[in-house]
Amino acid sequence: MRLRIAGVALTIGLFLTACGGHKDEKFSEKFGEVLCDAYAECGPEVECETNALGDFDVSDCEYDKDAAKECLDGEFVCNSDFGDGFEYVEVPEICSAVFTDCDDPL
């Protein structure tokens, strides 16, 4: 269970590498829902909060609404390369382009 939750954190961390967080509340909420739905299919015993992006300040970042739409419409894939109990969700690569040109990246 802890390893799967770590997988959620890793996935979110990878997504936030662009510069962390949510500038658009609607995107943040929808991303959390899509990610949690993907985890429910991948590892149904994972507890997931729909505010998956946390409270990061991205006020200095550029927000790309087209990349955000592609991210949310993209394929969230369950990766089980490490075997049972170690599944995690891979987010679409375009998700890393939602927030760019940040003054303080993670």
C-alpha atoms as a PDB file:
ATOM      1  CA  MET A   1       0.000   0.000   0.000  1.00  0.00           C
ATOM      2  CA  ARG A   2       2.737   2.472   0.911  1.00  0.00           C
ATOM      3  CA  LEU A   3       4.611   1.604  -2.249  1.00  0.00           C
ATOM      4  CA  ARG A   4       1.572   2.368  -4.366  1.00  0.00           C
ATOM      5  CA  ILE A   5       1.064   5.673  -2.596  1.00  0.00           C
ATOM      6  CA  ALA A   6       4.741   6.367  -3.269  1.00  0.00           C
ATOM      7  CA  GLY A   7       3.951   5.664  -6.901  1.00  0.00           C
ATOM      8  CA  VAL A   8       1.223   8.309  -6.801  1.00  0.00           C
ATOM      9  CA  ALA A   9       3.700  10.763  -5.306  1.00  0.00           C
ATOM     10  CA  LEU A  10       6.298   9.846  -7.926  1.00  0.00           C
ATOM     11  CA  THR A  11       3.805  10.361 -10.737  1.00  0.00           C
ATOM     12  CA  ILE A  12       2.730  13.708  -9.344  1.00  0.00           C
ATOM     13  CA  GLY A  13       6.366  14.670  -8.807  1.00  0.00           C
ATOM     14  CA  LEU A  14       7.188  13.853 -12.412  1.00  0.00           C
ATOM     15  CA  PHE A  15       4.261  15.921 -13.591  1.00  0.00           C
ATOM     16  CA  LEU A  16       5.219  18.846 -11.392  1.00  0.00           C
ATOM     17  CA  THR A  17       8.816  18.881 -12.592  1.00  0.00           C
ATOM     18  CA  ALA A  18       7.805  21.412 -15.214  1.00  0.00           C
ATOM     19  CA  CYS A  19       7.461  23.862 -12.307  1.00  0.00           C
ATOM     20  CA  GLY A  20       4.968  22.468  -9.920  1.00  0.00           C
ATOM     21  CA  GLY A  21       1.412  23.088  -9.081  1.00  0.00           C
ATOM     22  CA  HIS A  22      -1.759  24.503 -10.471  1.00  0.00           C
ATOM     23  CA  LYS A  23      -2.402  27.881 -11.951  1.00  0.00           C
ATOM     24  CA  ASP A  24      -5.830  27.020 -13.191  1.00  0.00           C
ATOM     25  CA  GLU A  25      -8.069  25.552 -10.468  1.00  0.00           C
ATOM     26  CA  LYS A  26     -10.233  23.762 -12.988  1.00  0.00           C
ATOM     27  CA  PHE A  27      -7.204  22.027 -14.530  1.00  0.00           C
ATOM     28  CA  SER A  28      -5.889  21.019 -11.118  1.00  0.00           C
ATOM     29  CA  GLU A  29      -9.201  19.502 -10.114  1.00  0.00           C
ATOM     30  CA  LYS A  30      -9.723  17.713 -13.428  1.00  0.00           C
ATOM     31  CA  PHE A  31      -6.131  16.398 -13.474  1.00  0.00           C
ATOM     32  CA  GLY A  32      -6.630  14.983  -9.985  1.00  0.00           C
ATOM     33  CA  GLU A  33      -9.850  13.269 -11.041  1.00  0.00           C
ATOM     34  CA  VAL A  34      -8.289  11.758 -14.170  1.00  0.00           C
ATOM     35  CA  LEU A  35      -5.214  10.612 -12.240  1.00  0.00           C
ATOM     36  CA  CYS A  36      -7.299   9.089  -9.451  1.00  0.00           C
ATOM     37  CA  ASP A  37      -9.508   7.299 -11.971  1.00  0.00           C
ATOM     38  CA  ALA A  38      -6.400   5.874 -13.625  1.00  0.00           C
ATOM     39  CA  TYR A  39      -5.067   4.700 -10.254  1.00  0.00           C
ATOM     40  CA  ALA A  40      -8.442   3.130  -9.414  1.00  0.00           C
ATOM     41  CA  GLU A  41      -8.095   0.966 -12.505  1.00  0.00           C
ATOM     42  CA  CYS A  42      -4.396   0.328 -11.991  1.00  0.00           C
ATOM     43  CA  GLY A  43      -4.370  -0.371  -8.259  1.00  0.00           C
ATOM     44  CA  PRO A  44      -7.850  -0.134  -6.782  1.00  0.00           C
ATOM     45  CA  GLU A  45      -6.686  -0.145  -3.161  1.00  0.00           C
ATOM     46  CA  VAL A  46      -4.861   3.182  -3.540  1.00  0.00           C
ATOM     47  CA  GLU A  47      -6.508   6.091  -1.769  1.00  0.00           C
ATOM     48  CA  CYS A  48      -6.245   9.157  -3.918  1.00  0.00           C
ATOM     49  CA  GLU A  49      -7.258  12.784  -3.431  1.00  0.00           C
ATOM     50  CA  THR A  50      -8.563  14.693  -6.400  1.00  0.00           C
ATOM     51  CA  ASN A  51      -6.378  17.682  -5.531  1.00  0.00           C
ATOM     52  CA  ALA A  52      -3.391  15.676  -6.673  1.00  0.00           C
ATOM     53  CA  LEU A  53      -1.306  18.735  -7.512  1.00  0.00           C
ATOM     54  CA  GLY A  54      -1.248  20.187  -4.025  1.00  0.00           C
ATOM     55  CA  ASP A  55      -0.890  23.883  -3.252  1.00  0.00           C
ATOM     56  CA  PHE A  56       2.159  24.806  -5.296  1.00  0.00           C
ATOM     57  CA  ASP A  57       2.443  28.438  -6.375  1.00  0.00           C
ATOM     58  CA  VAL A  58       2.780  28.711 -10.143  1.00  0.00           C
ATOM     59  CA  SER A  59       1.841  32.358 -10.426  1.00  0.00           C
ATOM     60  CA  ASP A  60       5.154  33.013 -12.182  1.00  0.00           C
ATOM     61  CA  CYS A  61       4.656  30.174 -14.698  1.00  0.00           C
ATOM     62  CA  GLU A  62       3.229  30.238 -18.183  1.00  0.00           C
ATOM     63  CA  TYR A  63       0.080  28.108 -18.395  1.00  0.00           C
ATOM     64  CA  ASP A  64      -0.535  26.374 -21.725  1.00  0.00           C
ATOM     65  CA  LYS A  65      -4.244  25.610 -21.958  1.00  0.00           C
ATOM     66  CA  ASP A  66      -3.778  23.565 -25.145  1.00  0.00           C
ATOM     67  CA  ALA A  67      -1.203  21.350 -23.411  1.00  0.00           C
ATOM     68  CA  ALA A  68      -3.548  21.086 -20.434  1.00  0.00           C
ATOM     69  CA  LYS A  69      -6.367  19.858 -22.667  1.00  0.00           C
ATOM     70  CA  GLU A  70      -4.075  17.353 -24.402  1.00  0.00           C
ATOM     71  CA  CYS A  71      -2.833  16.186 -21.012  1.00  0.00           C
ATOM     72  CA  LEU A  72      -6.330  15.562 -19.690  1.00  0.00           C
ATOM     73  CA  ASP A  73      -7.418  13.887 -22.931  1.00  0.00           C
ATOM     74  CA  GLY A  74      -4.240  11.794 -23.122  1.00  0.00           C
ATOM     75  CA  GLU A  75      -3.738   8.174 -22.192  1.00  0.00           C
ATOM     76  CA  PHE A  76      -2.869   7.559 -18.546  1.00  0.00           C
ATOM     77  CA  VAL A  77      -1.186   4.131 -18.601  1.00  0.00           C
ATOM     78  CA  CYS A  78      -0.836   1.631 -15.771  1.00  0.00           C
ATOM     79  CA  ASN A  79       2.760   0.448 -15.583  1.00  0.00           C
ATOM     80  CA  SER A  80       3.207  -2.912 -13.883  1.00  0.00           C
ATOM     81  CA  ASP A  81       6.839  -3.514 -14.862  1.00  0.00           C
ATOM     82  CA  PHE A  82       7.794  -3.993 -11.216  1.00  0.00           C
ATOM     83  CA  GLY A  83       5.118  -6.604 -10.525  1.00  0.00           C
ATOM     84  CA  ASP A  84       2.050  -6.886  -8.333  1.00  0.00           C
ATOM     85  CA  GLY A  85       1.842  -4.256  -5.636  1.00  0.00           C
ATOM     86  CA  PHE A  86       4.203  -1.879  -7.446  1.00  0.00           C
ATOM     87  CA  GLU A  87       1.922  -0.553 -10.173  1.00  0.00           C
ATOM     88  CA  TYR A  88       1.922   3.136 -10.943  1.00  0.00           C
ATOM     89  CA  VAL A  89       0.300   5.413 -13.494  1.00  0.00           C
ATOM     90  CA  GLU A  90       2.325   7.040 -16.223  1.00  0.00           C
ATOM     91  CA  VAL A  91       0.894  10.389 -17.244  1.00  0.00           C
ATOM     92  CA  PRO A  92       1.004  11.595 -20.856  1.00  0.00           C
ATOM     93  CA  GLU A  93       4.284  13.306 -21.687  1.00  0.00           C
ATOM     94  CA  ILE A  94       2.451  16.475 -22.758  1.00  0.00           C
ATOM     95  CA  CYS A  95       1.469  17.044 -19.122  1.00  0.00           C
ATOM     96  CA  SER A  96       4.988  18.302 -18.419  1.00  0.00           C
ATOM     97  CA  ALA A  97       4.333  21.181 -20.852  1.00  0.00           C
ATOM     98  CA  VAL A  98       1.288  22.582 -19.048  1.00  0.00           C
ATOM     99  CA  PHE A  99       3.400  24.922 -16.890  1.00  0.00           C
ATOM    100  CA  THR A 100       6.605  26.382 -18.334  1.00  0.00           C
ATOM    101  CA  ASP A 101       9.007  29.306 -17.852  1.00  0.00           C
ATOM    102  CA  CYS A 102       8.760  29.203 -14.084  1.00  0.00           C
ATOM    103  CA  ASP A 103      11.025  31.347 -11.946  1.00  0.00           C
ATOM    104  CA  ASP A 104      11.298  28.679  -9.229  1.00  0.00           C
ATOM    105  CA  PRO A 105      11.075  25.162 -10.713  1.00  0.00           C
ATOM    106  CA  LEU A 106      11.059  22.192  -8.346  1.00  0.00           C
END
